[in-house]
Amino acid sequence: MSDNETTPFPDRLSVDPKSPYYNAEILSRDVGIRFKGAEKTNVEEYCISEGWIRVTAGTAKDRHGNPLTIKVHGPVEPYFKD
């Protein structure tokens, strides 16, 4: 992230430490996501430019024990909760 960006958020961010889009510095500031005008609390990953979020699909797990996710399309607005 460069210093002259207008938004402090990267275009894509993930909460999974194994993901290349993981950023602990930004996540430590308590990021919130508004999706289609409603606040979402179960977002695993988002992409602003492509307009999608990945949300957990209930309590289902894959064979590696990770939560299953669903990609949902629409306007994404990240913000800091503080």
PDB file of N, CA and C in Angstrom:
ATOM      1  N   MET A   1       0.847  -1.176   0.000  1.00  0.00           N
ATOM      2  CA  MET A   1       0.000   0.000   0.000  1.00  0.00           C
ATOM      3  C   MET A   1       0.888   1.234   0.000  1.00  0.00           C
ATOM      4  N   SER A   2       0.666   2.133  -0.926  1.00  0.00           N
ATOM      5  CA  SER A   2       1.478   3.345  -0.996  1.00  0.00           C
ATOM      6  C   SER A   2       0.876   4.441  -0.133  1.00  0.00           C
ATOM      7  N   ASP A   3       1.690   5.449   0.179  1.00  0.00           N
ATOM      8  CA  ASP A   3       1.244   6.530   1.060  1.00  0.00           C
ATOM      9  C   ASP A   3       0.266   7.484   0.389  1.00  0.00           C
ATOM     10  N   ASN A   4       0.242   7.524  -0.941  1.00  0.00           N
ATOM     11  CA  ASN A   4      -0.619   8.488  -1.622  1.00  0.00           C
ATOM     12  C   ASN A   4      -1.962   7.902  -2.045  1.00  0.00           C
ATOM     13  N   GLU A   5      -2.338   6.759  -1.546  1.00  0.00           N
ATOM     14  CA  GLU A   5      -3.638   6.176  -1.867  1.00  0.00           C
ATOM     15  C   GLU A   5      -4.724   6.950  -1.139  1.00  0.00           C
ATOM     16  N   THR A   6      -5.885   7.058  -1.776  1.00  0.00           N
ATOM     17  CA  THR A   6      -6.986   7.774  -1.142  1.00  0.00           C
ATOM     18  C   THR A   6      -7.707   6.900  -0.122  1.00  0.00           C
ATOM     19  N   THR A   7      -7.708   5.599  -0.309  1.00  0.00           N
ATOM     20  CA  THR A   7      -8.337   4.685   0.640  1.00  0.00           C
ATOM     21  C   THR A   7      -7.265   3.882   1.372  1.00  0.00           C
ATOM     22  N   PRO A   8      -7.415   3.679   2.671  1.00  0.00           N
ATOM     23  CA  PRO A   8      -6.415   2.911   3.408  1.00  0.00           C
ATOM     24  C   PRO A   8      -6.569   1.402   3.222  1.00  0.00           C
ATOM     25  N   PHE A   9      -7.566   0.979   2.466  1.00  0.00           N
ATOM     26  CA  PHE A   9      -7.839  -0.443   2.292  1.00  0.00           C
ATOM     27  C   PHE A   9      -7.268  -0.952   0.981  1.00  0.00           C
ATOM     28  N   PRO A  10      -6.705  -2.162   1.006  1.00  0.00           N
ATOM     29  CA  PRO A  10      -6.285  -2.771  -0.265  1.00  0.00           C
ATOM     30  C   PRO A  10      -7.519  -3.190  -1.064  1.00  0.00           C
ATOM     31  N   ASP A  11      -7.346  -3.389  -2.361  1.00  0.00           N
ATOM     32  CA  ASP A  11      -8.455  -3.804  -3.211  1.00  0.00           C
ATOM     33  C   ASP A  11      -8.997  -5.163  -2.783  1.00  0.00           C
ATOM     34  N   ARG A  12      -8.118  -6.007  -2.279  1.00  0.00           N
ATOM     35  CA  ARG A  12      -8.529  -7.354  -1.871  1.00  0.00           C
ATOM     36  C   ARG A  12      -7.898  -7.669  -0.519  1.00  0.00           C
ATOM     37  N   LEU A  13      -8.688  -8.239   0.393  1.00  0.00           N
ATOM     38  CA  LEU A  13      -8.209  -8.541   1.737  1.00  0.00           C
ATOM     39  C   LEU A  13      -8.837  -9.843   2.207  1.00  0.00           C
ATOM     40  N   SER A  14      -8.030 -10.662   2.885  1.00  0.00           N
ATOM     41  CA  SER A  14      -8.489 -11.948   3.400  1.00  0.00           C
ATOM     42  C   SER A  14      -8.117 -12.075   4.870  1.00  0.00           C
ATOM     43  N   VAL A  15      -8.941 -12.815   5.637  1.00  0.00           N
ATOM     44  CA  VAL A  15      -8.645 -13.058   7.044  1.00  0.00           C
ATOM     45  C   VAL A  15      -7.835 -14.334   7.248  1.00  0.00           C
ATOM     46  N   ASP A  16      -7.609 -15.093   6.185  1.00  0.00           N
ATOM     47  CA  ASP A  16      -6.859 -16.350   6.249  1.00  0.00           C
ATOM     48  C   ASP A  16      -5.359 -16.063   6.172  1.00  0.00           C
ATOM     49  N   PRO A  17      -4.579 -16.391   7.214  1.00  0.00           N
ATOM     50  CA  PRO A  17      -3.133 -16.121   7.195  1.00  0.00           C
ATOM     51  C   PRO A  17      -2.377 -16.825   6.068  1.00  0.00           C
ATOM     52  N   LYS A  18      -2.935 -17.883   5.489  1.00  0.00           N
ATOM     53  CA  LYS A  18      -2.274 -18.587   4.393  1.00  0.00           C
ATOM     54  C   LYS A  18      -2.517 -17.925   3.036  1.00  0.00           C
ATOM     55  N   SER A  19      -3.417 -16.968   2.979  1.00  0.00           N
ATOM     56  CA  SER A  19      -3.765 -16.299   1.727  1.00  0.00           C
ATOM     57  C   SER A  19      -2.723 -15.229   1.365  1.00  0.00           C
ATOM     58  N   PRO A  20      -2.449 -15.031   0.070  1.00  0.00           N
ATOM     59  CA  PRO A  20      -1.537 -13.945  -0.327  1.00  0.00           C
ATOM     60  C   PRO A  20      -2.155 -12.564  -0.107  1.00  0.00           C
ATOM     61  N   TYR A  21      -3.454 -12.492   0.164  1.00  0.00           N
ATOM     62  CA  TYR A  21      -4.136 -11.216   0.389  1.00  0.00           C
ATOM     63  C   TYR A  21      -4.325 -10.899   1.871  1.00  0.00           C
ATOM     64  N   TYR A  22      -3.698 -11.662   2.726  1.00  0.00           N
ATOM     65  CA  TYR A  22      -3.761 -11.435   4.177  1.00  0.00           C
ATOM     66  C   TYR A  22      -2.874 -10.252   4.550  1.00  0.00           C
ATOM     67  N   ASN A  23      -3.380  -9.359   5.409  1.00  0.00           N
ATOM     68  CA  ASN A  23      -2.610  -8.206   5.872  1.00  0.00           C
ATOM     69  C   ASN A  23      -2.920  -7.999   7.356  1.00  0.00           C
ATOM     70  N   ALA A  24      -2.043  -8.469   8.233  1.00  0.00           N
ATOM     71  CA  ALA A  24      -2.268  -8.411   9.676  1.00  0.00           C
ATOM     72  C   ALA A  24      -2.344  -6.978  10.190  1.00  0.00           C
ATOM     73  N   GLU A  25      -1.583  -6.069   9.601  1.00  0.00           N
ATOM     74  CA  GLU A  25      -1.570  -4.673  10.043  1.00  0.00           C
ATOM     75  C   GLU A  25      -2.946  -4.028   9.882  1.00  0.00           C
ATOM     76  N   ILE A  26      -3.573  -4.241   8.753  1.00  0.00           N
ATOM     77  CA  ILE A  26      -4.903  -3.658   8.523  1.00  0.00           C
ATOM     78  C   ILE A  26      -5.958  -4.382   9.348  1.00  0.00           C
ATOM     79  N   LEU A  27      -5.898  -5.697   9.427  1.00  0.00           N
ATOM     80  CA  LEU A  27      -6.891  -6.460  10.185  1.00  0.00           C
ATOM     81  C   LEU A  27      -6.836  -6.170  11.681  1.00  0.00           C
ATOM     82  N   SER A  28      -5.677  -5.748  12.180  1.00  0.00           N
ATOM     83  CA  SER A  28      -5.559  -5.425  13.602  1.00  0.00           C
ATOM     84  C   SER A  28      -6.362  -4.182  13.978  1.00  0.00           C
ATOM     85  N   ARG A  29      -6.762  -3.386  12.989  1.00  0.00           N
ATOM     86  CA  ARG A  29      -7.536  -2.167  13.246  1.00  0.00           C
ATOM     87  C   ARG A  29      -9.039  -2.401  13.247  1.00  0.00           C
ATOM     88  N   ASP A  30      -9.498  -3.651  13.241  1.00  0.00           N
ATOM     89  CA  ASP A  30     -10.920  -4.000  13.318  1.00  0.00           C
ATOM     90  C   ASP A  30     -11.699  -3.463  12.114  1.00  0.00           C
ATOM     91  N   VAL A  31     -11.582  -4.169  11.008  1.00  0.00           N
ATOM     92  CA  VAL A  31     -12.224  -3.797   9.749  1.00  0.00           C
ATOM     93  C   VAL A  31     -13.660  -4.301   9.728  1.00  0.00           C
ATOM     94  N   GLY A  32     -14.581  -3.449   9.300  1.00  0.00           N
ATOM     95  CA  GLY A  32     -15.971  -3.839   9.098  1.00  0.00           C
ATOM     96  C   GLY A  32     -16.278  -3.818   7.605  1.00  0.00           C
ATOM     97  N   ILE A  33     -17.291  -4.560   7.189  1.00  0.00           N
ATOM     98  CA  ILE A  33     -17.676  -4.634   5.783  1.00  0.00           C
ATOM     99  C   ILE A  33     -19.171  -4.328   5.658  1.00  0.00           C
ATOM    100  N   ARG A  34     -19.488  -3.358   4.802  1.00  0.00           N
ATOM    101  CA  ARG A  34     -20.875  -3.117   4.414  1.00  0.00           C
ATOM    102  C   ARG A  34     -21.039  -3.707   3.021  1.00  0.00           C
ATOM    103  N   PHE A  35     -22.010  -4.593   2.880  1.00  0.00           N
ATOM    104  CA  PHE A  35     -22.271  -5.251   1.598  1.00  0.00           C
ATOM    105  C   PHE A  35     -23.723  -5.008   1.244  1.00  0.00           C
ATOM    106  N   LYS A  36     -23.959  -4.338   0.142  1.00  0.00           N
ATOM    107  CA  LYS A  36     -25.309  -3.944  -0.291  1.00  0.00           C
ATOM    108  C   LYS A  36     -26.014  -3.154   0.809  1.00  0.00           C
ATOM    109  N   GLY A  37     -25.248  -2.328   1.519  1.00  0.00           N
ATOM    110  CA  GLY A  37     -25.807  -1.465   2.552  1.00  0.00           C
ATOM    111  C   GLY A  37     -25.979  -2.101   3.924  1.00  0.00           C
ATOM    112  N   ALA A  38     -25.742  -3.391   4.060  1.00  0.00           N
ATOM    113  CA  ALA A  38     -25.897  -4.077   5.346  1.00  0.00           C
ATOM    114  C   ALA A  38     -24.531  -4.510   5.864  1.00  0.00           C
ATOM    115  N   GLU A  39     -24.348  -4.391   7.188  1.00  0.00           N
ATOM    116  CA  GLU A  39     -23.078  -4.810   7.781  1.00  0.00           C
ATOM    117  C   GLU A  39     -23.010  -6.335   7.856  1.00  0.00           C
ATOM    118  N   LYS A  40     -21.893  -6.884   7.398  1.00  0.00           N
ATOM    119  CA  LYS A  40     -21.672  -8.332   7.432  1.00  0.00           C
ATOM    120  C   LYS A  40     -20.563  -8.645   8.428  1.00  0.00           C
ATOM    121  N   THR A  41     -20.757  -9.696   9.229  1.00  0.00           N
ATOM    122  CA  THR A  41     -19.772 -10.066  10.242  1.00  0.00           C
ATOM    123  C   THR A  41     -19.066 -11.377   9.925  1.00  0.00           C
ATOM    124  N   ASN A  42     -19.500 -12.099   8.903  1.00  0.00           N
ATOM    125  CA  ASN A  42     -18.918 -13.404   8.599  1.00  0.00           C
ATOM    126  C   ASN A  42     -18.134 -13.395   7.284  1.00  0.00           C
ATOM    127  N   VAL A  43     -17.527 -12.274   6.930  1.00  0.00           N
ATOM    128  CA  VAL A  43     -16.783 -12.148   5.675  1.00  0.00           C
ATOM    129  C   VAL A  43     -15.379 -12.724   5.848  1.00  0.00           C
ATOM    130  N   GLU A  44     -15.008 -13.630   4.968  1.00  0.00           N
ATOM    131  CA  GLU A  44     -13.673 -14.234   4.973  1.00  0.00           C
ATOM    132  C   GLU A  44     -12.719 -13.480   4.056  1.00  0.00           C
ATOM    133  N   GLU A  45     -13.223 -12.929   2.947  1.00  0.00           N
ATOM    134  CA  GLU A  45     -12.394 -12.246   1.960  1.00  0.00           C
ATOM    135  C   GLU A  45     -13.285 -11.300   1.169  1.00  0.00           C
ATOM    136  N   TYR A  46     -12.707 -10.185   0.671  1.00  0.00           N
ATOM    137  CA  TYR A  46     -13.473  -9.283  -0.191  1.00  0.00           C
ATOM    138  C   TYR A  46     -12.593  -8.771  -1.316  1.00  0.00           C
ATOM    139  N   CYS A  47     -13.234  -8.285  -2.374  1.00  0.00           N
ATOM    140  CA  CYS A  47     -12.558  -7.619  -3.485  1.00  0.00           C
ATOM    141  C   CYS A  47     -13.423  -6.430  -3.888  1.00  0.00           C
ATOM    142  N   ILE A  48     -12.896  -5.224  -3.737  1.00  0.00           N
ATOM    143  CA  ILE A  48     -13.649  -4.014  -4.036  1.00  0.00           C
ATOM    144  C   ILE A  48     -13.860  -3.847  -5.538  1.00  0.00           C
ATOM    145  N   SER A  49     -12.789  -3.977  -6.330  1.00  0.00           N
ATOM    146  CA  SER A  49     -12.885  -3.712  -7.770  1.00  0.00           C
ATOM    147  C   SER A  49     -13.798  -4.701  -8.498  1.00  0.00           C
ATOM    148  N   GLU A  50     -13.791  -5.964  -8.083  1.00  0.00           N
ATOM    149  CA  GLU A  50     -14.638  -6.962  -8.729  1.00  0.00           C
ATOM    150  C   GLU A  50     -16.019  -7.035  -8.090  1.00  0.00           C
ATOM    151  N   GLY A  51     -16.203  -6.420  -6.918  1.00  0.00           N
ATOM    152  CA  GLY A  51     -17.504  -6.351  -6.268  1.00  0.00           C
ATOM    153  C   GLY A  51     -18.011  -7.669  -5.727  1.00  0.00           C
ATOM    154  N   TRP A  52     -17.228  -8.329  -4.867  1.00  0.00           N
ATOM    155  CA  TRP A  52     -17.680  -9.574  -4.252  1.00  0.00           C
ATOM    156  C   TRP A  52     -17.100  -9.745  -2.865  1.00  0.00           C
ATOM    157  N   ILE A  53     -17.765 -10.607  -2.086  1.00  0.00           N
ATOM    158  CA  ILE A  53     -17.263 -11.027  -0.782  1.00  0.00           C
ATOM    159  C   ILE A  53     -17.384 -12.552  -0.713  1.00  0.00           C
ATOM    160  N   ARG A  54     -16.565 -13.164   0.131  1.00  0.00           N
ATOM    161  CA  ARG A  54     -16.697 -14.590   0.444  1.00  0.00           C
ATOM    162  C   ARG A  54     -17.184 -14.673   1.882  1.00  0.00           C
ATOM    163  N   VAL A  55     -18.309 -15.339   2.074  1.00  0.00           N
ATOM    164  CA  VAL A  55     -18.880 -15.508   3.412  1.00  0.00           C
ATOM    165  C   VAL A  55     -18.920 -16.985   3.754  1.00  0.00           C
ATOM    166  N   THR A  56     -18.870 -17.281   5.040  1.00  0.00           N
ATOM    167  CA  THR A  56     -18.910 -18.670   5.483  1.00  0.00           C
ATOM    168  C   THR A  56     -20.287 -19.258   5.212  1.00  0.00           C
ATOM    169  N   ALA A  57     -20.305 -20.532   4.873  1.00  0.00           N
ATOM    170  CA  ALA A  57     -21.550 -21.245   4.565  1.00  0.00           C
ATOM    171  C   ALA A  57     -21.954 -22.086   5.768  1.00  0.00           C
ATOM    172  N   GLY A  58     -22.471 -21.441   6.776  1.00  0.00           N
ATOM    173  CA  GLY A  58     -22.902 -22.159   7.979  1.00  0.00           C
ATOM    174  C   GLY A  58     -21.730 -22.742   8.738  1.00  0.00           C
ATOM    175  N   THR A  59     -21.895 -23.953   9.226  1.00  0.00           N
ATOM    176  CA  THR A  59     -20.840 -24.605  10.001  1.00  0.00           C
ATOM    177  C   THR A  59     -20.109 -25.679   9.204  1.00  0.00           C
ATOM    178  N   ALA A  60     -20.380 -25.754   7.904  1.00  0.00           N
ATOM    179  CA  ALA A  60     -19.762 -26.776   7.058  1.00  0.00           C
ATOM    180  C   ALA A  60     -18.255 -26.546   6.947  1.00  0.00           C
ATOM    181  N   LYS A  61     -17.495 -27.637   6.883  1.00  0.00           N
ATOM    182  CA  LYS A  61     -16.034 -27.577   6.772  1.00  0.00           C
ATOM    183  C   LYS A  61     -15.588 -28.380   5.556  1.00  0.00           C
ATOM    184  N   ASP A  62     -14.451 -27.985   4.970  1.00  0.00           N
ATOM    185  CA  ASP A  62     -13.885 -28.781   3.887  1.00  0.00           C
ATOM    186  C   ASP A  62     -13.024 -29.889   4.478  1.00  0.00           C
ATOM    187  N   ARG A  63     -12.360 -30.656   3.629  1.00  0.00           N
ATOM    188  CA  ARG A  63     -11.595 -31.806   4.125  1.00  0.00           C
ATOM    189  C   ARG A  63     -10.362 -31.428   4.923  1.00  0.00           C
ATOM    190  N   HIS A  64      -9.965 -30.140   4.864  1.00  0.00           N
ATOM    191  CA  HIS A  64      -8.816 -29.661   5.629  1.00  0.00           C
ATOM    192  C   HIS A  64      -9.244 -28.964   6.928  1.00  0.00           C
ATOM    193  N   GLY A  65     -10.546 -28.923   7.186  1.00  0.00           N
ATOM    194  CA  GLY A  65     -11.058 -28.303   8.404  1.00  0.00           C
ATOM    195  C   GLY A  65     -11.334 -26.812   8.282  1.00  0.00           C
ATOM    196  N   ASN A  66     -11.202 -26.259   7.082  1.00  0.00           N
ATOM    197  CA  ASN A  66     -11.487 -24.838   6.852  1.00  0.00           C
ATOM    198  C   ASN A  66     -12.976 -24.655   6.567  1.00  0.00           C
ATOM    199  N   PRO A  67     -13.550 -23.507   6.950  1.00  0.00           N
ATOM    200  CA  PRO A  67     -14.974 -23.289   6.667  1.00  0.00           C
ATOM    201  C   PRO A  67     -15.225 -23.172   5.167  1.00  0.00           C
ATOM    202  N   LEU A  68     -16.348 -23.730   4.716  1.00  0.00           N
ATOM    203  CA  LEU A  68     -16.740 -23.577   3.316  1.00  0.00           C
ATOM    204  C   LEU A  68     -17.243 -22.156   3.115  1.00  0.00           C
ATOM    205  N   THR A  69     -16.941 -21.591   1.955  1.00  0.00           N
ATOM    206  CA  THR A  69     -17.341 -20.212   1.679  1.00  0.00           C
ATOM    207  C   THR A  69     -18.132 -20.127   0.380  1.00  0.00           C
ATOM    208  N   ILE A  70     -18.922 -19.059   0.289  1.00  0.00           N
ATOM    209  CA  ILE A  70     -19.720 -18.767  -0.898  1.00  0.00           C
ATOM    210  C   ILE A  70     -19.352 -17.361  -1.364  1.00  0.00           C
ATOM    211  N   LYS A  71     -19.140 -17.205  -2.672  1.00  0.00           N
ATOM    212  CA  LYS A  71     -18.843 -15.884  -3.234  1.00  0.00           C
ATOM    213  C   LYS A  71     -20.159 -15.207  -3.607  1.00  0.00           C
ATOM    214  N   VAL A  72     -20.373 -13.988  -3.075  1.00  0.00           N
ATOM    215  CA  VAL A  72     -21.589 -13.230  -3.320  1.00  0.00           C
ATOM    216  C   VAL A  72     -21.190 -11.906  -3.973  1.00  0.00           C
ATOM    217  N   HIS A  73     -21.886 -11.528  -5.054  1.00  0.00           N
ATOM    218  CA  HIS A  73     -21.541 -10.318  -5.799  1.00  0.00           C
ATOM    219  C   HIS A  73     -22.426  -9.140  -5.405  1.00  0.00           C
ATOM    220  N   GLY A  74     -21.813  -7.945  -5.357  1.00  0.00           N
ATOM    221  CA  GLY A  74     -22.521  -6.717  -5.039  1.00  0.00           C
ATOM    222  C   GLY A  74     -21.531  -5.661  -4.592  1.00  0.00           C
ATOM    223  N   PRO A  75     -22.005  -4.450  -4.280  1.00  0.00           N
ATOM    224  CA  PRO A  75     -21.104  -3.377  -3.841  1.00  0.00           C
ATOM    225  C   PRO A  75     -20.512  -3.655  -2.461  1.00  0.00           C
ATOM    226  N   VAL A  76     -19.191  -3.453  -2.336  1.00  0.00           N
ATOM    227  CA  VAL A  76     -18.451  -3.727  -1.108  1.00  0.00           C
ATOM    228  C   VAL A  76     -17.889  -2.412  -0.563  1.00  0.00           C
ATOM    229  N   GLU A  77     -18.115  -2.131   0.724  1.00  0.00           N
ATOM    230  CA  GLU A  77     -17.604  -0.930   1.368  1.00  0.00           C
ATOM    231  C   GLU A  77     -16.891  -1.301   2.671  1.00  0.00           C
ATOM    232  N   PRO A  78     -15.557  -1.407   2.678  1.00  0.00           N
ATOM    233  CA  PRO A  78     -14.847  -1.664   3.937  1.00  0.00           C
ATOM    234  C   PRO A  78     -14.717  -0.370   4.736  1.00  0.00           C
ATOM    235  N   TYR A  79     -14.655  -0.498   6.056  1.00  0.00           N
ATOM    236  CA  TYR A  79     -14.485   0.655   6.938  1.00  0.00           C
ATOM    237  C   TYR A  79     -13.851   0.199   8.237  1.00  0.00           C
ATOM    238  N   PHE A  80     -13.244   1.147   8.955  1.00  0.00           N
ATOM    239  CA  PHE A  80     -12.696   0.845  10.274  1.00  0.00           C
ATOM    240  C   PHE A  80     -13.777   1.109  11.314  1.00  0.00           C
ATOM    241  N   LYS A  81     -13.949   0.183  12.250  1.00  0.00           N
ATOM    242  CA  LYS A  81     -15.006   0.297  13.247  1.00  0.00           C
ATOM    243  C   LYS A  81     -14.707   1.330  14.327  1.00  0.00           C
ATOM    244  N   ASP A  82     -13.440   1.740  14.464  1.00  0.00           N
ATOM    245  CA  ASP A  82     -13.103   2.713  15.516  1.00  0.00           C
ATOM    246  C   ASP A  82     -13.334   4.132  15.138  1.00  0.00           C
TER     247      ASP A  82
END
